[in-house]
Every structure is written in C-alpha cells, then in structure tokens.
Amino acid sequence: QVQLVESGGGLVQAGGSLRLSCAASGTILGTDVMGWYRQAPGRQRELVATITSSGITNYADSVKGRFTISRDNAKNVMYLQMNTLKPEDTAVYFCKVSRYLISKPYWGQGTQVTVSS
C-alpha cells in the first residue's frame, strides 16, 4: 500500500551536513506517524526522529539540536536535515511509516550515511 524511497545519503566529513529525503507512494493518512531510524553494523536499529501530520516531533537525545525532521503532507515527502554530523552518526538511515492500529510498519530500503573524521 505504501512504498518508501530514501535518498540523499553519502560520505561527508565531520561537521558537515546532509539532507535526507523520503518519498512515499500510496496513501499517507493524517494519523500516520513518519520517522527516521538508523542502524549501524552490529547495532540495533534505533529511532532518530518522528513527526506527525500536524508537525509534532520527537528526537533522540543524540541528535537534538543537530537534526531537524520535517514533512510535506501535500507531496508525501519527509526530510531529515542533518547538521554538525559526527562519525557516530554513520549508519544506514531508514524511512518509516507507522499506521494506527496496523502492527507492521512500512519501511524504505535505507540510505547510507558515512561521516569521516
């Protein structure tokens, strides 16, 4: 029902910036919560940030003040602006859509972000 495609990843130096995009195909509902997650090798996938259709956001402590999540409901696109990147931000970043009362969320394929020191 929903297909998600991430883009914008790449290799940057510490202190640099990247903007990730997640384009959604299919119907995104007003109750859907969208978010960014990341997973580094050998580590569990972790929440980076979430955003509701009304713009309510939540961030992991590790990215507060550096990352900004946003959402364009008309275009079904979500963004993650990442500033002051650190090597520990290196991971595959995934787009996620969580639908109310649906146990299985939608995931994108992920985009690699690598931050060199």
N, C-alpha and C. Protein backbone atom coordinates (compact mmCIF):
# COMPACT_ATOMS: atom_id res chain seq x y z
N GLN A 1 0.82 -1.21 0.00
CA GLN A 1 0.00 0.00 0.00
C GLN A 1 0.86 1.26 0.00
N VAL A 2 1.96 1.21 0.72
CA VAL A 2 2.86 2.35 0.81
C VAL A 2 4.26 1.90 0.45
N GLN A 3 4.88 2.62 -0.46
CA GLN A 3 6.26 2.39 -0.81
C GLN A 3 7.08 3.63 -0.45
N LEU A 4 8.23 3.41 0.14
CA LEU A 4 9.06 4.49 0.62
C LEU A 4 10.44 4.39 -0.02
N VAL A 5 10.93 5.51 -0.49
CA VAL A 5 12.24 5.56 -1.13
C VAL A 5 13.05 6.69 -0.51
N GLU A 6 14.17 6.32 0.11
CA GLU A 6 15.06 7.30 0.71
C GLU A 6 16.11 7.75 -0.30
N SER A 7 16.59 8.96 -0.12
CA SER A 7 17.67 9.47 -0.93
C SER A 7 18.41 10.53 -0.14
N GLY A 8 19.59 10.88 -0.61
CA GLY A 8 20.35 11.96 -0.01
C GLY A 8 21.53 11.54 0.82
N GLY A 9 21.71 10.25 1.02
CA GLY A 9 22.85 9.80 1.79
C GLY A 9 24.15 9.98 1.03
N GLY A 10 25.24 9.81 1.74
CA GLY A 10 26.54 9.95 1.12
C GLY A 10 27.65 9.98 2.13
N LEU A 11 28.82 10.35 1.67
CA LEU A 11 30.01 10.44 2.50
C LEU A 11 30.34 11.91 2.75
N VAL A 12 30.43 12.27 4.01
CA VAL A 12 30.75 13.64 4.38
C VAL A 12 31.77 13.63 5.51
N GLN A 13 32.44 14.76 5.66
CA GLN A 13 33.37 14.92 6.75
C GLN A 13 32.65 15.36 8.01
N ALA A 14 33.24 15.06 9.15
CA ALA A 14 32.67 15.50 10.42
C ALA A 14 32.46 17.01 10.40
N GLY A 15 31.31 17.42 10.91
CA GLY A 15 30.94 18.82 10.90
C GLY A 15 30.12 19.24 9.70
N GLY A 16 30.02 18.36 8.72
CA GLY A 16 29.27 18.67 7.52
C GLY A 16 27.79 18.41 7.69
N SER A 17 27.07 18.58 6.59
CA SER A 17 25.61 18.46 6.60
C SER A 17 25.13 17.61 5.44
N LEU A 18 24.00 16.97 5.65
CA LEU A 18 23.29 16.24 4.62
C LEU A 18 21.80 16.43 4.84
N ARG A 19 21.05 16.34 3.77
CA ARG A 19 19.60 16.32 3.87
C ARG A 19 19.07 15.05 3.23
N LEU A 20 18.42 14.25 4.03
CA LEU A 20 17.80 13.03 3.54
C LEU A 20 16.35 13.29 3.16
N SER A 21 15.89 12.59 2.15
CA SER A 21 14.51 12.70 1.71
C SER A 21 13.88 11.32 1.69
N CYS A 22 12.62 11.27 1.99
CA CYS A 22 11.84 10.04 1.91
C CYS A 22 10.58 10.35 1.13
N ALA A 23 10.47 9.76 -0.05
CA ALA A 23 9.31 9.95 -0.90
C ALA A 23 8.38 8.76 -0.74
N ALA A 24 7.14 9.03 -0.45
CA ALA A 24 6.15 7.99 -0.23
C ALA A 24 5.20 7.89 -1.41
N SER A 25 4.99 6.67 -1.87
CA SER A 25 3.97 6.39 -2.87
C SER A 25 2.83 5.65 -2.20
N GLY A 26 1.62 5.98 -2.60
CA GLY A 26 0.46 5.43 -1.92
C GLY A 26 -0.13 6.46 -0.98
N THR A 27 -1.12 6.05 -0.26
CA THR A 27 -1.86 6.97 0.60
C THR A 27 -1.23 7.08 1.97
N ILE A 28 -0.90 8.30 2.33
CA ILE A 28 -0.44 8.60 3.68
C ILE A 28 -1.61 9.25 4.41
N LEU A 29 -1.98 8.68 5.52
CA LEU A 29 -3.13 9.14 6.27
C LEU A 29 -2.73 10.21 7.28
N GLY A 30 -3.72 10.97 7.69
CA GLY A 30 -3.47 12.02 8.66
C GLY A 30 -3.03 11.49 10.01
N THR A 31 -3.34 10.25 10.28
CA THR A 31 -2.94 9.64 11.55
C THR A 31 -1.61 8.91 11.46
N ASP A 32 -1.03 8.85 10.27
CA ASP A 32 0.25 8.17 10.11
C ASP A 32 1.36 8.97 10.78
N VAL A 33 2.23 8.25 11.45
CA VAL A 33 3.43 8.85 12.01
C VAL A 33 4.62 8.43 11.14
N MET A 34 5.38 9.40 10.69
CA MET A 34 6.55 9.13 9.89
C MET A 34 7.79 9.37 10.72
N GLY A 35 8.84 8.66 10.40
CA GLY A 35 10.05 8.83 11.17
C GLY A 35 11.28 8.32 10.46
N TRP A 36 12.39 8.69 11.03
CA TRP A 36 13.69 8.23 10.57
C TRP A 36 14.32 7.35 11.64
N TYR A 37 14.86 6.24 11.21
CA TYR A 37 15.60 5.33 12.06
C TYR A 37 16.95 5.08 11.43
N ARG A 38 17.89 4.62 12.23
CA ARG A 38 19.20 4.31 11.69
C ARG A 38 19.74 3.04 12.32
N GLN A 39 20.62 2.40 11.58
CA GLN A 39 21.22 1.16 12.06
C GLN A 39 22.67 1.09 11.61
N ALA A 40 23.55 0.97 12.57
CA ALA A 40 24.96 0.77 12.31
C ALA A 40 25.28 -0.71 12.41
N PRO A 41 26.34 -1.18 11.74
CA PRO A 41 26.69 -2.60 11.81
C PRO A 41 26.86 -3.08 13.25
N GLY A 42 26.24 -4.20 13.55
CA GLY A 42 26.34 -4.77 14.88
C GLY A 42 25.48 -4.11 15.92
N ARG A 43 24.68 -3.15 15.52
CA ARG A 43 23.83 -2.45 16.47
C ARG A 43 22.36 -2.58 16.10
N GLN A 44 21.53 -2.41 17.09
CA GLN A 44 20.10 -2.46 16.88
C GLN A 44 19.63 -1.19 16.18
N ARG A 45 18.62 -1.33 15.36
CA ARG A 45 18.05 -0.17 14.71
C ARG A 45 17.45 0.75 15.77
N GLU A 46 17.74 2.04 15.67
CA GLU A 46 17.31 2.98 16.68
C GLU A 46 16.56 4.15 16.07
N LEU A 47 15.69 4.71 16.86
CA LEU A 47 14.93 5.87 16.45
C LEU A 47 15.82 7.10 16.37
N VAL A 48 15.65 7.86 15.31
CA VAL A 48 16.31 9.14 15.16
C VAL A 48 15.34 10.27 15.44
N ALA A 49 14.21 10.26 14.74
CA ALA A 49 13.21 11.31 14.91
C ALA A 49 11.89 10.84 14.32
N THR A 50 10.80 11.35 14.86
CA THR A 50 9.48 11.08 14.32
C THR A 50 8.72 12.39 14.17
N ILE A 51 7.71 12.35 13.33
CA ILE A 51 6.88 13.53 13.10
C ILE A 51 5.47 13.10 12.73
N THR A 52 4.49 13.76 13.32
CA THR A 52 3.11 13.50 12.99
C THR A 52 2.68 14.42 11.85
N SER A 53 1.48 14.19 11.33
CA SER A 53 0.98 15.03 10.24
C SER A 53 0.78 16.47 10.68
N SER A 54 0.58 16.69 11.96
CA SER A 54 0.39 18.04 12.48
C SER A 54 1.70 18.71 12.86
N GLY A 55 2.81 18.00 12.71
CA GLY A 55 4.11 18.61 12.95
C GLY A 55 4.70 18.38 14.32
N ILE A 56 4.12 17.51 15.11
CA ILE A 56 4.70 17.18 16.41
C ILE A 56 5.91 16.29 16.20
N THR A 57 7.02 16.68 16.78
CA THR A 57 8.27 15.96 16.55
C THR A 57 8.84 15.41 17.84
N ASN A 58 9.61 14.36 17.68
CA ASN A 58 10.40 13.78 18.76
C ASN A 58 11.76 13.42 18.20
N TYR A 59 12.79 13.61 19.02
CA TYR A 59 14.15 13.34 18.60
C TYR A 59 14.87 12.50 19.62
N ALA A 60 15.77 11.66 19.13
CA ALA A 60 16.69 11.00 20.03
C ALA A 60 17.61 12.04 20.65
N ASP A 61 17.99 11.81 21.89
CA ASP A 61 18.85 12.77 22.57
C ASP A 61 20.15 13.02 21.81
N SER A 62 20.65 12.01 21.14
CA SER A 62 21.92 12.12 20.47
C SER A 62 21.91 13.07 19.27
N VAL A 63 20.72 13.39 18.76
CA VAL A 63 20.63 14.25 17.58
C VAL A 63 19.94 15.57 17.85
N LYS A 64 19.44 15.78 19.04
CA LYS A 64 18.76 17.02 19.36
C LYS A 64 19.68 18.21 19.17
N GLY A 65 19.17 19.23 18.52
CA GLY A 65 19.95 20.41 18.25
C GLY A 65 20.77 20.33 16.99
N ARG A 66 20.88 19.15 16.41
CA ARG A 66 21.66 18.98 15.19
C ARG A 66 20.80 18.56 13.99
N PHE A 67 19.80 17.73 14.25
CA PHE A 67 18.95 17.21 13.18
C PHE A 67 17.58 17.87 13.26
N THR A 68 16.95 18.02 12.11
CA THR A 68 15.59 18.54 12.04
C THR A 68 14.77 17.68 11.10
N ILE A 69 13.66 17.17 11.60
CA ILE A 69 12.75 16.39 10.78
C ILE A 69 11.62 17.29 10.31
N SER A 70 11.20 17.11 9.08
CA SER A 70 10.09 17.88 8.55
C SER A 70 9.29 17.01 7.59
N ARG A 71 8.13 17.50 7.23
CA ARG A 71 7.20 16.70 6.45
C ARG A 71 6.34 17.60 5.58
N ASP A 72 6.23 17.25 4.32
CA ASP A 72 5.38 17.95 3.38
C ASP A 72 4.23 17.00 3.05
N ASN A 73 3.12 17.19 3.70
CA ASN A 73 2.00 16.27 3.54
C ASN A 73 1.41 16.30 2.13
N ALA A 74 1.45 17.45 1.49
CA ALA A 74 0.90 17.57 0.14
C ALA A 74 1.70 16.75 -0.87
N LYS A 75 3.00 16.66 -0.67
CA LYS A 75 3.86 15.94 -1.59
C LYS A 75 4.23 14.55 -1.10
N ASN A 76 3.79 14.20 0.10
CA ASN A 76 4.14 12.91 0.70
C ASN A 76 5.65 12.71 0.76
N VAL A 77 6.33 13.72 1.23
CA VAL A 77 7.77 13.67 1.36
C VAL A 77 8.16 14.06 2.78
N MET A 78 9.10 13.34 3.33
CA MET A 78 9.65 13.64 4.63
C MET A 78 11.14 13.90 4.48
N TYR A 79 11.65 14.80 5.31
CA TYR A 79 13.05 15.18 5.23
C TYR A 79 13.72 15.02 6.58
N LEU A 80 15.02 14.85 6.53
CA LEU A 80 15.84 14.90 7.72
C LEU A 80 17.06 15.74 7.40
N GLN A 81 17.08 16.95 7.95
CA GLN A 81 18.23 17.82 7.80
C GLN A 81 19.22 17.49 8.90
N MET A 82 20.40 17.10 8.52
CA MET A 82 21.42 16.67 9.46
C MET A 82 22.59 17.65 9.40
N ASN A 83 22.82 18.34 10.49
CA ASN A 83 23.91 19.29 10.59
C ASN A 83 24.90 18.83 11.64
N THR A 84 26.09 19.40 11.57
CA THR A 84 27.15 19.09 12.53
C THR A 84 27.29 17.58 12.70
N LEU A 85 27.42 16.91 11.60
CA LEU A 85 27.50 15.45 11.62
C LEU A 85 28.75 14.97 12.33
N LYS A 86 28.60 13.86 13.02
CA LYS A 86 29.67 13.23 13.76
C LYS A 86 29.91 11.83 13.22
N PRO A 87 31.12 11.30 13.39
CA PRO A 87 31.37 9.93 12.94
C PRO A 87 30.39 8.92 13.52
N GLU A 88 29.92 9.14 14.72
CA GLU A 88 28.97 8.22 15.33
C GLU A 88 27.58 8.27 14.69
N ASP A 89 27.36 9.22 13.80
CA ASP A 89 26.12 9.26 13.03
C ASP A 89 26.15 8.30 11.85
N THR A 90 27.29 7.71 11.58
CA THR A 90 27.42 6.78 10.47
C THR A 90 26.48 5.60 10.65
N ALA A 91 25.63 5.38 9.66
CA ALA A 91 24.64 4.30 9.72
C ALA A 91 23.85 4.28 8.42
N VAL A 92 23.05 3.26 8.28
CA VAL A 92 22.04 3.25 7.24
C VAL A 92 20.79 3.88 7.83
N TYR A 93 20.27 4.86 7.15
CA TYR A 93 19.10 5.58 7.62
C TYR A 93 17.86 5.11 6.87
N PHE A 94 16.83 4.78 7.62
CA PHE A 94 15.60 4.22 7.07
C PHE A 94 14.42 5.14 7.33
N CYS A 95 13.57 5.23 6.36
CA CYS A 95 12.30 5.92 6.48
C CYS A 95 11.24 4.93 6.95
N LYS A 96 10.37 5.38 7.83
CA LYS A 96 9.34 4.51 8.38
C LYS A 96 8.00 5.24 8.45
N VAL A 97 6.95 4.51 8.13
CA VAL A 97 5.59 5.00 8.30
C VAL A 97 4.87 4.03 9.23
N SER A 98 4.35 4.56 10.31
CA SER A 98 3.58 3.77 11.27
C SER A 98 2.12 4.13 11.15
N ARG A 99 1.30 3.14 10.89
CA ARG A 99 -0.13 3.36 10.71
C ARG A 99 -0.89 2.91 11.94
N TYR A 100 -1.80 3.75 12.36
CA TYR A 100 -2.59 3.47 13.54
C TYR A 100 -3.34 2.16 13.40
N LEU A 101 -3.22 1.31 14.40
CA LEU A 101 -3.87 0.01 14.50
C LEU A 101 -3.31 -1.04 13.54
N ILE A 102 -2.25 -0.73 12.84
CA ILE A 102 -1.57 -1.67 11.97
C ILE A 102 -0.24 -2.03 12.61
N SER A 103 -0.03 -3.30 12.88
CA SER A 103 1.14 -3.71 13.63
C SER A 103 2.42 -3.64 12.81
N LYS A 104 2.32 -3.86 11.51
CA LYS A 104 3.51 -3.89 10.66
C LYS A 104 3.70 -2.54 10.00
N PRO A 105 4.79 -1.85 10.31
CA PRO A 105 5.04 -0.56 9.68
C PRO A 105 5.60 -0.72 8.27
N TYR A 106 5.62 0.37 7.53
CA TYR A 106 6.25 0.40 6.22
C TYR A 106 7.66 0.93 6.36
N TRP A 107 8.58 0.29 5.66
CA TRP A 107 9.99 0.68 5.70
C TRP A 107 10.52 0.92 4.30
N GLY A 108 11.42 1.87 4.18
CA GLY A 108 12.16 2.03 2.95
C GLY A 108 13.37 1.13 2.94
N GLN A 109 14.14 1.20 1.85
CA GLN A 109 15.31 0.36 1.71
C GLN A 109 16.53 0.90 2.45
N GLY A 110 16.52 2.16 2.77
CA GLY A 110 17.61 2.76 3.51
C GLY A 110 18.59 3.49 2.62
N THR A 111 19.27 4.44 3.19
CA THR A 111 20.32 5.17 2.50
C THR A 111 21.51 5.31 3.43
N GLN A 112 22.69 5.07 2.89
CA GLN A 112 23.90 5.04 3.70
C GLN A 112 24.42 6.44 3.96
N VAL A 113 24.69 6.71 5.22
CA VAL A 113 25.34 7.96 5.63
C VAL A 113 26.65 7.59 6.30
N THR A 114 27.74 8.11 5.77
CA THR A 114 29.05 7.85 6.33
C THR A 114 29.72 9.18 6.65
N VAL A 115 30.14 9.32 7.89
CA VAL A 115 30.78 10.55 8.35
C VAL A 115 32.21 10.22 8.74
N SER A 116 33.14 10.83 8.06
CA SER A 116 34.55 10.59 8.33
C SER A 116 35.10 11.66 9.27
N SER A 117 36.09 11.28 10.05
CA SER A 117 36.72 12.20 10.99
C SER A 117 37.91 12.89 10.37
